[in-house]
Every structure is written in structure tokens, then in C-alpha cells.
Amino acid sequence: MSFAGVYPHYITKVERKGKTKAEVHEIIFWLTGYDEVALQNLIEEKRNFENFFDLAPALNPNATKITGMICGYRIEDIEDPIMKKVRYLDKLIDELAKGRAMEKILRK
């Protein structure tokens, strides 16, 4: 699954709810350690999610605090490490779209 293919859907989802692309980027940067330039390069290179997370500078240590249900799966029960990271990102984007405060989304 291509990160570049899913990324526009993240943006569309949050913009429909009055949120911004900048907020999506803040979440991605917090979770992965990427910056704007690195993120744009990954999108242009059409990297898949496995590459996206394998190349990430540093997965945020607070990512393990992301729990709950997403797409019918309980995040803490997912065993595949890449799928778990994908669901972390999905959950954070969902929380943004639902209007949750950024401070809570970023598990501060």
C-alpha cells in the first residue's frame, strides 16, 4: 500500500472537518520524526508504508500510548509492526478529524 496514495485521503478527510494540511503534517512529524522536505520526497517517490516507517528518523516513544479501535481492529492487539504503525497514523488522523485537541492527539 502506497503512503503517497493514502496521504491525499488524509488531507481530504481532515479538511472536510475544518482542519488543515499543516495539522496532518504536525501529526506525521510527531509520529515519525520526518520534516517537511523528507515528507515531500517520500510522497514524490511514492513510497509504500513499509518504506515510509522503515525510513522514519524516529518513531515517537509515546506512540505506544495510541490505543483503541480503528477500522474494526484494536490497535494494541495488532501484531504486525508495520500494520500497527499504519493504524497509529490512521487513529491520529481520525482523532484530528473528530476535533480532538492537538495536545491530546500528540499524547502530551
PDB file of N, CA and C in Angstrom:
ATOM      1  N   MET A   1       0.847  -1.170   0.000  1.00  0.00           N
ATOM      2  CA  MET A   1       0.000   0.000   0.000  1.00  0.00           C
ATOM      3  C   MET A   1       0.896   1.238   0.000  1.00  0.00           C
ATOM      4  N   SER A   2       0.635   2.151  -0.884  1.00  0.00           N
ATOM      5  CA  SER A   2       1.459   3.339  -1.058  1.00  0.00           C
ATOM      6  C   SER A   2       1.046   4.444  -0.094  1.00  0.00           C
ATOM      7  N   PHE A   3       2.017   4.961   0.658  1.00  0.00           N
ATOM      8  CA  PHE A   3       1.738   6.110   1.516  1.00  0.00           C
ATOM      9  C   PHE A   3       1.282   7.292   0.665  1.00  0.00           C
ATOM     10  N   ALA A   4       1.944   7.490  -0.460  1.00  0.00           N
ATOM     11  CA  ALA A   4       1.596   8.598  -1.353  1.00  0.00           C
ATOM     12  C   ALA A   4       0.159   8.493  -1.847  1.00  0.00           C
ATOM     13  N   GLY A   5      -0.355   7.262  -1.990  1.00  0.00           N
ATOM     14  CA  GLY A   5      -1.732   7.063  -2.430  1.00  0.00           C
ATOM     15  C   GLY A   5      -2.749   7.353  -1.340  1.00  0.00           C
ATOM     16  N   VAL A   6      -2.381   7.142  -0.096  1.00  0.00           N
ATOM     17  CA  VAL A   6      -3.295   7.342   1.029  1.00  0.00           C
ATOM     18  C   VAL A   6      -3.229   8.781   1.557  1.00  0.00           C
ATOM     19  N   TYR A   7      -2.062   9.378   1.474  1.00  0.00           N
ATOM     20  CA  TYR A   7      -1.831  10.723   2.006  1.00  0.00           C
ATOM     21  C   TYR A   7      -2.900  11.736   1.572  1.00  0.00           C
ATOM     22  N   PRO A   8      -3.256  11.832   0.279  1.00  0.00           N
ATOM     23  CA  PRO A   8      -4.291  12.809  -0.112  1.00  0.00           C
ATOM     24  C   PRO A   8      -5.635  12.548   0.570  1.00  0.00           C
ATOM     25  N   HIS A   9      -5.917  11.301   0.887  1.00  0.00           N
ATOM     26  CA  HIS A   9      -7.170  10.976   1.568  1.00  0.00           C
ATOM     27  C   HIS A   9      -7.141  11.480   3.008  1.00  0.00           C
ATOM     28  N   TYR A  10      -5.975  11.423   3.650  1.00  0.00           N
ATOM     29  CA  TYR A  10      -5.837  12.012   4.989  1.00  0.00           C
ATOM     30  C   TYR A  10      -6.160  13.503   4.930  1.00  0.00           C
ATOM     31  N   ILE A  11      -5.600  14.186   3.951  1.00  0.00           N
ATOM     32  CA  ILE A  11      -5.803  15.631   3.829  1.00  0.00           C
ATOM     33  C   ILE A  11      -7.278  15.939   3.566  1.00  0.00           C
ATOM     34  N   THR A  12      -7.872  15.234   2.625  1.00  0.00           N
ATOM     35  CA  THR A  12      -9.282  15.452   2.301  1.00  0.00           C
ATOM     36  C   THR A  12     -10.163  15.213   3.521  1.00  0.00           C
ATOM     37  N   LYS A  13      -9.895  14.149   4.247  1.00  0.00           N
ATOM     38  CA  LYS A  13     -10.695  13.791   5.417  1.00  0.00           C
ATOM     39  C   LYS A  13     -10.695  14.906   6.457  1.00  0.00           C
ATOM     40  N   VAL A  14      -9.538  15.438   6.763  1.00  0.00           N
ATOM     41  CA  VAL A  14      -9.476  16.465   7.813  1.00  0.00           C
ATOM     42  C   VAL A  14      -9.977  17.817   7.309  1.00  0.00           C
ATOM     43  N   GLU A  15      -9.733  18.130   6.038  1.00  0.00           N
ATOM     44  CA  GLU A  15     -10.204  19.412   5.508  1.00  0.00           C
ATOM     45  C   GLU A  15     -11.725  19.482   5.473  1.00  0.00           C
ATOM     46  N   ARG A  16     -12.387  18.337   5.225  1.00  0.00           N
ATOM     47  CA  ARG A  16     -13.857  18.308   5.268  1.00  0.00           C
ATOM     48  C   ARG A  16     -14.380  18.645   6.654  1.00  0.00           C
ATOM     49  N   LYS A  17     -13.551  18.419   7.662  1.00  0.00           N
ATOM     50  CA  LYS A  17     -13.948  18.673   9.050  1.00  0.00           C
ATOM     51  C   LYS A  17     -13.379  19.992   9.581  1.00  0.00           C
ATOM     52  N   GLY A  18     -12.844  20.814   8.666  1.00  0.00           N
ATOM     53  CA  GLY A  18     -12.357  22.128   9.063  1.00  0.00           C
ATOM     54  C   GLY A  18     -10.939  22.151   9.613  1.00  0.00           C
ATOM     55  N   LYS A  19     -10.210  21.081   9.439  1.00  0.00           N
ATOM     56  CA  LYS A  19      -8.815  21.020   9.888  1.00  0.00           C
ATOM     57  C   LYS A  19      -7.901  21.257   8.691  1.00  0.00           C
ATOM     58  N   THR A  20      -6.595  21.294   8.928  1.00  0.00           N
ATOM     59  CA  THR A  20      -5.677  21.701   7.866  1.00  0.00           C
ATOM     60  C   THR A  20      -4.611  20.655   7.553  1.00  0.00           C
ATOM     61  N   LYS A  21      -4.019  20.842   6.382  1.00  0.00           N
ATOM     62  CA  LYS A  21      -2.888  20.019   5.954  1.00  0.00           C
ATOM     63  C   LYS A  21      -1.723  20.188   6.934  1.00  0.00           C
ATOM     64  N   ALA A  22      -1.540  21.400   7.444  1.00  0.00           N
ATOM     65  CA  ALA A  22      -0.467  21.663   8.403  1.00  0.00           C
ATOM     66  C   ALA A  22      -0.643  20.820   9.666  1.00  0.00           C
ATOM     67  N   GLU A  23      -1.882  20.606  10.081  1.00  0.00           N
ATOM     68  CA  GLU A  23      -2.133  19.777  11.263  1.00  0.00           C
ATOM     69  C   GLU A  23      -1.825  18.309  10.974  1.00  0.00           C
ATOM     70  N   VAL A  24      -2.138  17.856   9.774  1.00  0.00           N
ATOM     71  CA  VAL A  24      -1.789  16.489   9.375  1.00  0.00           C
ATOM     72  C   VAL A  24      -0.270  16.336   9.404  1.00  0.00           C
ATOM     73  N   HIS A  25       0.430  17.319   8.877  1.00  0.00           N
ATOM     74  CA  HIS A  25       1.890  17.269   8.877  1.00  0.00           C
ATOM     75  C   HIS A  25       2.441  17.256  10.300  1.00  0.00           C
ATOM     76  N   GLU A  26       1.855  18.049  11.175  1.00  0.00           N
ATOM     77  CA  GLU A  26       2.295  18.057  12.572  1.00  0.00           C
ATOM     78  C   GLU A  26       2.188  16.660  13.177  1.00  0.00           C
ATOM     79  N   ILE A  27       1.104  15.971  12.891  1.00  0.00           N
ATOM     80  CA  ILE A  27       0.915  14.602  13.388  1.00  0.00           C
ATOM     81  C   ILE A  27       1.961  13.662  12.793  1.00  0.00           C
ATOM     82  N   ILE A  28       2.159  13.734  11.485  1.00  0.00           N
ATOM     83  CA  ILE A  28       3.141  12.859  10.828  1.00  0.00           C
ATOM     84  C   ILE A  28       4.540  13.124  11.375  1.00  0.00           C
ATOM     85  N   PHE A  29       4.893  14.390  11.525  1.00  0.00           N
ATOM     86  CA  PHE A  29       6.227  14.741  12.038  1.00  0.00           C
ATOM     87  C   PHE A  29       6.399  14.230  13.461  1.00  0.00           C
ATOM     88  N   TRP A  30       5.364  14.379  14.291  1.00  0.00           N
ATOM     89  CA  TRP A  30       5.424  13.912  15.684  1.00  0.00           C
ATOM     90  C   TRP A  30       5.610  12.394  15.735  1.00  0.00           C
ATOM     91  N   LEU A  31       4.833  11.680  14.922  1.00  0.00           N
ATOM     92  CA  LEU A  31       4.871  10.220  14.961  1.00  0.00           C
ATOM     93  C   LEU A  31       6.170   9.656  14.408  1.00  0.00           C
ATOM     94  N   THR A  32       6.692  10.241  13.327  1.00  0.00           N
ATOM     95  CA  THR A  32       7.798   9.626  12.596  1.00  0.00           C
ATOM     96  C   THR A  32       9.150  10.323  12.715  1.00  0.00           C
ATOM     97  N   GLY A  33       9.149  11.598  13.058  1.00  0.00           N
ATOM     98  CA  GLY A  33      10.399  12.347  13.087  1.00  0.00           C
ATOM     99  C   GLY A  33      10.769  12.967  11.754  1.00  0.00           C
ATOM    100  N   TYR A  34       9.931  12.774  10.721  1.00  0.00           N
ATOM    101  CA  TYR A  34      10.193  13.399   9.428  1.00  0.00           C
ATOM    102  C   TYR A  34      10.036  14.912   9.537  1.00  0.00           C
ATOM    103  N   ASP A  35      10.637  15.618   8.572  1.00  0.00           N
ATOM    104  CA  ASP A  35      10.396  17.048   8.426  1.00  0.00           C
ATOM    105  C   ASP A  35       9.712  17.264   7.075  1.00  0.00           C
ATOM    106  N   GLU A  36       9.425  18.517   6.758  1.00  0.00           N
ATOM    107  CA  GLU A  36       8.671  18.837   5.538  1.00  0.00           C
ATOM    108  C   GLU A  36       9.367  18.328   4.270  1.00  0.00           C
ATOM    109  N   VAL A  37      10.665  18.551   4.165  1.00  0.00           N
ATOM    110  CA  VAL A  37      11.410  18.148   2.966  1.00  0.00           C
ATOM    111  C   VAL A  37      11.399  16.630   2.800  1.00  0.00           C
ATOM    112  N   ALA A  38      11.681  15.926   3.872  1.00  0.00           N
ATOM    113  CA  ALA A  38      11.712  14.458   3.820  1.00  0.00           C
ATOM    114  C   ALA A  38      10.332  13.898   3.468  1.00  0.00           C
ATOM    115  N   LEU A  39       9.288  14.483   4.045  1.00  0.00           N
ATOM    116  CA  LEU A  39       7.932  14.014   3.753  1.00  0.00           C
ATOM    117  C   LEU A  39       7.608  14.208   2.271  1.00  0.00           C
ATOM    118  N   GLN A  40       7.909  15.364   1.736  1.00  0.00           N
ATOM    119  CA  GLN A  40       7.635  15.619   0.319  1.00  0.00           C
ATOM    120  C   GLN A  40       8.411  14.655  -0.578  1.00  0.00           C
ATOM    121  N   ASN A  41       9.653  14.367  -0.216  1.00  0.00           N
ATOM    122  CA  ASN A  41      10.445  13.409  -1.001  1.00  0.00           C
ATOM    123  C   ASN A  41       9.798  12.027  -1.005  1.00  0.00           C
ATOM    124  N   LEU A  42       9.319  11.587   0.153  1.00  0.00           N
ATOM    125  CA  LEU A  42       8.671  10.273   0.247  1.00  0.00           C
ATOM    126  C   LEU A  42       7.404  10.211  -0.600  1.00  0.00           C
ATOM    127  N   ILE A  43       6.661  11.305  -0.601  1.00  0.00           N
ATOM    128  CA  ILE A  43       5.433  11.359  -1.402  1.00  0.00           C
ATOM    129  C   ILE A  43       5.783  11.314  -2.888  1.00  0.00           C
ATOM    130  N   GLU A  44       6.767  12.101  -3.293  1.00  0.00           N
ATOM    131  CA  GLU A  44       7.177  12.128  -4.697  1.00  0.00           C
ATOM    132  C   GLU A  44       7.736  10.782  -5.152  1.00  0.00           C
ATOM    133  N   GLU A  45       8.412  10.082  -4.253  1.00  0.00           N
ATOM    134  CA  GLU A  45       8.984   8.770  -4.583  1.00  0.00           C
ATOM    135  C   GLU A  45       7.949   7.653  -4.516  1.00  0.00           C
ATOM    136  N   LYS A  46       6.726   8.002  -4.096  1.00  0.00           N
ATOM    137  CA  LYS A  46       5.622   7.051  -3.999  1.00  0.00           C
ATOM    138  C   LYS A  46       5.995   5.836  -3.138  1.00  0.00           C
ATOM    139  N   ARG A  47       6.570   6.126  -1.992  1.00  0.00           N
ATOM    140  CA  ARG A  47       6.990   5.064  -1.069  1.00  0.00           C
ATOM    141  C   ARG A  47       5.781   4.333  -0.495  1.00  0.00           C
ATOM    142  N   ASN A  48       5.961   3.037  -0.255  1.00  0.00           N
ATOM    143  CA  ASN A  48       4.896   2.285   0.404  1.00  0.00           C
ATOM    144  C   ASN A  48       5.008   2.525   1.918  1.00  0.00           C
ATOM    145  N   PHE A  49       4.009   2.059   2.659  1.00  0.00           N
ATOM    146  CA  PHE A  49       4.006   2.292   4.099  1.00  0.00           C
ATOM    147  C   PHE A  49       5.184   1.621   4.798  1.00  0.00           C
ATOM    148  N   GLU A  50       5.590   0.472   4.308  1.00  0.00           N
ATOM    149  CA  GLU A  50       6.728  -0.208   4.933  1.00  0.00           C
ATOM    150  C   GLU A  50       7.980   0.657   4.833  1.00  0.00           C
ATOM    151  N   ASN A  51       8.275   1.177   3.641  1.00  0.00           N
ATOM    152  CA  ASN A  51       9.415   2.084   3.471  1.00  0.00           C
ATOM    153  C   ASN A  51       9.229   3.356   4.288  1.00  0.00           C
ATOM    154  N   PHE A  52       8.013   3.881   4.271  1.00  0.00           N
ATOM    155  CA  PHE A  52       7.701   5.110   4.991  1.00  0.00           C
ATOM    156  C   PHE A  52       8.102   4.981   6.462  1.00  0.00           C
ATOM    157  N   PHE A  53       7.724   3.876   7.092  1.00  0.00           N
ATOM    158  CA  PHE A  53       8.049   3.700   8.511  1.00  0.00           C
ATOM    159  C   PHE A  53       9.468   3.198   8.729  1.00  0.00           C
ATOM    160  N   ASP A  54       9.984   2.354   7.836  1.00  0.00           N
ATOM    161  CA  ASP A  54      11.361   1.870   7.982  1.00  0.00           C
ATOM    162  C   ASP A  54      12.373   3.004   7.860  1.00  0.00           C
ATOM    163  N   LEU A  55      12.084   3.987   7.022  1.00  0.00           N
ATOM    164  CA  LEU A  55      13.000   5.106   6.807  1.00  0.00           C
ATOM    165  C   LEU A  55      12.778   6.262   7.785  1.00  0.00           C
ATOM    166  N   ALA A  56      11.754   6.152   8.605  1.00  0.00           N
ATOM    167  CA  ALA A  56      11.447   7.233   9.554  1.00  0.00           C
ATOM    168  C   ALA A  56      12.622   7.462  10.506  1.00  0.00           C
ATOM    169  N   PRO A  57      12.973   8.726  10.714  1.00  0.00           N
ATOM    170  CA  PRO A  57      14.094   9.032  11.605  1.00  0.00           C
ATOM    171  C   PRO A  57      13.926   8.458  13.014  1.00  0.00           C
ATOM    172  N   ALA A  58      12.711   8.552  13.563  1.00  0.00           N
ATOM    173  CA  ALA A  58      12.492   8.038  14.919  1.00  0.00           C
ATOM    174  C   ALA A  58      11.006   7.978  15.215  1.00  0.00           C
ATOM    175  N   LEU A  59      10.503   6.780  15.437  1.00  0.00           N
ATOM    176  CA  LEU A  59       9.109   6.655  15.857  1.00  0.00           C
ATOM    177  C   LEU A  59       8.995   7.230  17.263  1.00  0.00           C
ATOM    178  N   ASN A  60       8.026   8.085  17.476  1.00  0.00           N
ATOM    179  CA  ASN A  60       7.866   8.731  18.770  1.00  0.00           C
ATOM    180  C   ASN A  60       7.637   7.678  19.855  1.00  0.00           C
ATOM    181  N   PRO A  61       8.382   7.765  20.969  1.00  0.00           N
ATOM    182  CA  PRO A  61       8.214   6.772  22.034  1.00  0.00           C
ATOM    183  C   PRO A  61       6.810   6.774  22.644  1.00  0.00           C
ATOM    184  N   ASN A  62       6.085   7.878  22.519  1.00  0.00           N
ATOM    185  CA  ASN A  62       4.721   7.935  23.041  1.00  0.00           C
ATOM    186  C   ASN A  62       3.702   7.285  22.109  1.00  0.00           C
ATOM    187  N   ALA A  63       4.152   6.776  20.962  1.00  0.00           N
ATOM    188  CA  ALA A  63       3.238   6.120  20.020  1.00  0.00           C
ATOM    189  C   ALA A  63       2.539   4.926  20.680  1.00  0.00           C
ATOM    190  N   THR A  64       3.203   4.283  21.626  1.00  0.00           N
ATOM    191  CA  THR A  64       2.587   3.131  22.292  1.00  0.00           C
ATOM    192  C   THR A  64       1.382   3.537  23.136  1.00  0.00           C
ATOM    193  N   LYS A  65       1.209   4.828  23.374  1.00  0.00           N
ATOM    194  CA  LYS A  65       0.041   5.313  24.120  1.00  0.00           C
ATOM    195  C   LYS A  65      -1.191   5.429  23.228  1.00  0.00           C
ATOM    196  N   ILE A  66      -1.006   5.196  21.933  1.00  0.00           N
ATOM    197  CA  ILE A  66      -2.128   5.250  20.995  1.00  0.00           C
ATOM    198  C   ILE A  66      -2.848   3.906  21.071  1.00  0.00           C
ATOM    199  N   THR A  67      -4.046   3.932  21.590  1.00  0.00           N
ATOM    200  CA  THR A  67      -4.823   2.705  21.772  1.00  0.00           C
ATOM    201  C   THR A  67      -6.243   2.921  21.266  1.00  0.00           C
ATOM    202  N   GLY A  68      -7.007   1.857  21.259  1.00  0.00           N
ATOM    203  CA  GLY A  68      -8.398   1.949  20.853  1.00  0.00           C
ATOM    204  C   GLY A  68      -8.655   1.223  19.552  1.00  0.00           C
ATOM    205  N   MET A  69      -9.837   1.477  19.018  1.00  0.00           N
ATOM    206  CA  MET A  69     -10.284   0.813  17.795  1.00  0.00           C
ATOM    207  C   MET A  69     -10.078   1.727  16.592  1.00  0.00           C
ATOM    208  N   ILE A  70      -9.634   1.119  15.491  1.00  0.00           N
ATOM    209  CA  ILE A  70      -9.537   1.820  14.218  1.00  0.00           C
ATOM    210  C   ILE A  70      -9.785   0.790  13.122  1.00  0.00           C
ATOM    211  N   CYS A  71     -10.689   1.101  12.235  1.00  0.00           N
ATOM    212  CA  CYS A  71     -11.038   0.209  11.119  1.00  0.00           C
ATOM    213  C   CYS A  71     -11.404  -1.195  11.602  1.00  0.00           C
ATOM    214  N   GLY A  72     -12.052  -1.269  12.738  1.00  0.00           N
ATOM    215  CA  GLY A  72     -12.504  -2.553  13.267  1.00  0.00           C
ATOM    216  C   GLY A  72     -11.445  -3.360  13.993  1.00  0.00           C
ATOM    217  N   TYR A  73     -10.282  -2.796  14.196  1.00  0.00           N
ATOM    218  CA  TYR A  73      -9.191  -3.506  14.875  1.00  0.00           C
ATOM    219  C   TYR A  73      -8.782  -2.749  16.133  1.00  0.00           C
ATOM    220  N   ARG A  74      -8.510  -3.476  17.186  1.00  0.00           N
ATOM    221  CA  ARG A  74      -7.964  -2.883  18.402  1.00  0.00           C
ATOM    222  C   ARG A  74      -6.460  -2.746  18.183  1.00  0.00           C
ATOM    223  N   ILE A  75      -5.973  -1.524  18.217  1.00  0.00           N
ATOM    224  CA  ILE A  75      -4.571  -1.237  17.888  1.00  0.00           C
ATOM    225  C   ILE A  75      -3.614  -2.058  18.735  1.00  0.00           C
ATOM    226  N   GLU A  76      -3.862  -2.135  20.008  1.00  0.00           N
ATOM    227  CA  GLU A  76      -2.929  -2.834  20.902  1.00  0.00           C
ATOM    228  C   GLU A  76      -2.864  -4.336  20.642  1.00  0.00           C
ATOM    229  N   ASP A  77      -3.823  -4.882  19.886  1.00  0.00           N
ATOM    230  CA  ASP A  77      -3.820  -6.313  19.566  1.00  0.00           C
ATOM    231  C   ASP A  77      -3.160  -6.636  18.219  1.00  0.00           C
ATOM    232  N   ILE A  78      -2.807  -5.621  17.451  1.00  0.00           N
ATOM    233  CA  ILE A  78      -2.194  -5.844  16.137  1.00  0.00           C
ATOM    234  C   ILE A  78      -0.756  -6.302  16.338  1.00  0.00           C
ATOM    235  N   GLU A  79      -0.411  -7.431  15.734  1.00  0.00           N
ATOM    236  CA  GLU A  79       0.927  -7.996  15.914  1.00  0.00           C
ATOM    237  C   GLU A  79       1.923  -7.551  14.859  1.00  0.00           C
ATOM    238  N   ASP A  80       1.489  -7.364  13.622  1.00  0.00           N
ATOM    239  CA  ASP A  80       2.388  -6.943  12.544  1.00  0.00           C
ATOM    240  C   ASP A  80       2.877  -5.517  12.833  1.00  0.00           C
ATOM    241  N   PRO A  81       4.189  -5.321  12.988  1.00  0.00           N
ATOM    242  CA  PRO A  81       4.696  -3.997  13.381  1.00  0.00           C
ATOM    243  C   PRO A  81       4.398  -2.879  12.375  1.00  0.00           C
ATOM    244  N   ILE A  82       4.442  -3.177  11.099  1.00  0.00           N
ATOM    245  CA  ILE A  82       4.142  -2.140  10.096  1.00  0.00           C
ATOM    246  C   ILE A  82       2.663  -1.792  10.143  1.00  0.00           C
ATOM    247  N   MET A  83       1.802  -2.797  10.199  1.00  0.00           N
ATOM    248  CA  MET A  83       0.370  -2.535  10.250  1.00  0.00           C
ATOM    249  C   MET A  83       0.005  -1.764  11.516  1.00  0.00           C
ATOM    250  N   LYS A  84       0.669  -2.057  12.613  1.00  0.00           N
ATOM    251  CA  LYS A  84       0.408  -1.332  13.860  1.00  0.00           C
ATOM    252  C   LYS A  84       0.757   0.145  13.681  1.00  0.00           C
ATOM    253  N   LYS A  85       1.877   0.440  13.038  1.00  0.00           N
ATOM    254  CA  LYS A  85       2.277   1.827  12.817  1.00  0.00           C
ATOM    255  C   LYS A  85       1.311   2.531  11.868  1.00  0.00           C
ATOM    256  N   VAL A  86       0.850   1.826  10.845  1.00  0.00           N
ATOM    257  CA  VAL A  86      -0.144   2.396   9.927  1.00  0.00           C
ATOM    258  C   VAL A  86      -1.404   2.744  10.705  1.00  0.00           C
ATOM    259  N   ARG A  87      -1.830   1.856  11.570  1.00  0.00           N
ATOM    260  CA  ARG A  87      -3.041   2.101  12.365  1.00  0.00           C
ATOM    261  C   ARG A  87      -2.840   3.209  13.392  1.00  0.00           C
ATOM    262  N   TYR A  88      -1.610   3.361  13.906  1.00  0.00           N
ATOM    263  CA  TYR A  88      -1.312   4.514  14.765  1.00  0.00           C
ATOM    264  C   TYR A  88      -1.620   5.802  13.999  1.00  0.00           C
ATOM    265  N   LEU A  89      -1.087   5.887  12.788  1.00  0.00           N
ATOM    266  CA  LEU A  89      -1.292   7.088  11.986  1.00  0.00           C
ATOM    267  C   LEU A  89      -2.764   7.272  11.650  1.00  0.00           C
ATOM    268  N   ASP A  90      -3.442   6.210  11.265  1.00  0.00           N
ATOM    269  CA  ASP A  90      -4.882   6.286  10.970  1.00  0.00           C
ATOM    270  C   ASP A  90      -5.652   6.816  12.168  1.00  0.00           C
ATOM    271  N   LYS A  91      -5.336   6.312  13.339  1.00  0.00           N
ATOM    272  CA  LYS A  91      -6.026   6.716  14.570  1.00  0.00           C
ATOM    273  C   LYS A  91      -5.802   8.191  14.855  1.00  0.00           C
ATOM    274  N   LEU A  92      -4.578   8.665  14.697  1.00  0.00           N
ATOM    275  CA  LEU A  92      -4.286  10.074  14.949  1.00  0.00           C
ATOM    276  C   LEU A  92      -5.029  10.979  13.966  1.00  0.00           C
ATOM    277  N   ILE A  93      -5.081  10.572  12.704  1.00  0.00           N
ATOM    278  CA  ILE A  93      -5.809  11.351  11.693  1.00  0.00           C
ATOM    279  C   ILE A  93      -7.304  11.353  12.014  1.00  0.00           C
ATOM    280  N   ASP A  94      -7.835  10.224  12.438  1.00  0.00           N
ATOM    281  CA  ASP A  94      -9.247  10.148  12.848  1.00  0.00           C
ATOM    282  C   ASP A  94      -9.533  11.096  14.008  1.00  0.00           C
ATOM    283  N   GLU A  95      -8.647  11.099  14.989  1.00  0.00           N
ATOM    284  CA  GLU A  95      -8.845  11.964  16.146  1.00  0.00           C
ATOM    285  C   GLU A  95      -8.834  13.432  15.734  1.00  0.00           C
ATOM    286  N   LEU A  96      -7.952  13.798  14.816  1.00  0.00           N
ATOM    287  CA  LEU A  96      -7.918  15.167  14.306  1.00  0.00           C
ATOM    288  C   LEU A  96      -9.230  15.500  13.610  1.00  0.00           C
ATOM    289  N   ALA A  97      -9.688  14.615  12.753  1.00  0.00           N
ATOM    290  CA  ALA A  97     -10.931  14.843  12.015  1.00  0.00           C
ATOM    291  C   ALA A  97     -12.137  14.950  12.946  1.00  0.00           C
ATOM    292  N   LYS A  98     -12.065  14.284  14.075  1.00  0.00           N
ATOM    293  CA  LYS A  98     -13.174  14.326  15.037  1.00  0.00           C
ATOM    294  C   LYS A  98     -13.102  15.538  15.966  1.00  0.00           C
ATOM    295  N   GLY A  99     -12.060  16.366  15.784  1.00  0.00           N
ATOM    296  CA  GLY A  99     -11.983  17.601  16.545  1.00  0.00           C
ATOM    297  C   GLY A  99     -11.259  17.509  17.876  1.00  0.00           C
ATOM    298  N   ARG A 100     -10.574  16.424  18.112  1.00  0.00           N
ATOM    299  CA  ARG A 100      -9.824  16.285  19.354  1.00  0.00           C
ATOM    300  C   ARG A 100      -8.690  17.308  19.387  1.00  0.00           C
ATOM    301  N   ALA A 101      -8.384  17.811  20.560  1.00  0.00           N
ATOM    302  CA  ALA A 101      -7.329  18.810  20.719  1.00  0.00           C
ATOM    303  C   ALA A 101      -5.975  18.208  20.349  1.00  0.00           C
ATOM    304  N   MET A 102      -5.152  18.993  19.670  1.00  0.00           N
ATOM    305  CA  MET A 102      -3.841  18.519  19.218  1.00  0.00           C
ATOM    306  C   MET A 102      -3.002  18.037  20.399  1.00  0.00           C
ATOM    307  N   GLU A 103      -3.086  18.703  21.514  1.00  0.00           N
ATOM    308  CA  GLU A 103      -2.323  18.286  22.701  1.00  0.00           C
ATOM    309  C   GLU A 103      -2.665  16.851  23.095  1.00  0.00           C
ATOM    310  N   LYS A 104      -3.924  16.483  23.012  1.00  0.00           N
ATOM    311  CA  LYS A 104      -4.337  15.114  23.340  1.00  0.00           C
ATOM    312  C   LYS A 104      -3.966  14.138  22.233  1.00  0.00           C
ATOM    313  N   ILE A 105      -4.085  14.577  20.987  1.00  0.00           N
ATOM    314  CA  ILE A 105      -3.719  13.711  19.865  1.00  0.00           C
ATOM    315  C   ILE A 105      -2.253  13.302  19.967  1.00  0.00           C
ATOM    316  N   LEU A 106      -1.409  14.266  20.324  1.00  0.00           N
ATOM    317  CA  LEU A 106       0.032  14.017  20.403  1.00  0.00           C
ATOM    318  C   LEU A 106       0.459  13.439  21.752  1.00  0.00           C
ATOM    319  N   ARG A 107      -0.510  13.006  22.541  1.00  0.00           N
ATOM    320  CA  ARG A 107      -0.266  12.299  23.798  1.00  0.00           C
ATOM    321  C   ARG A 107       0.681  13.059  24.718  1.00  0.00           C
ATOM    322  N   LYS A 108       0.422  14.357  24.871  1.00  0.00           N
ATOM    323  CA  LYS A 108       1.251  15.178  25.746  1.00  0.00           C
ATOM    324  C   LYS A 108       0.721  15.159  27.160  1.00  0.00           C
TER     325      LYS A 108
END
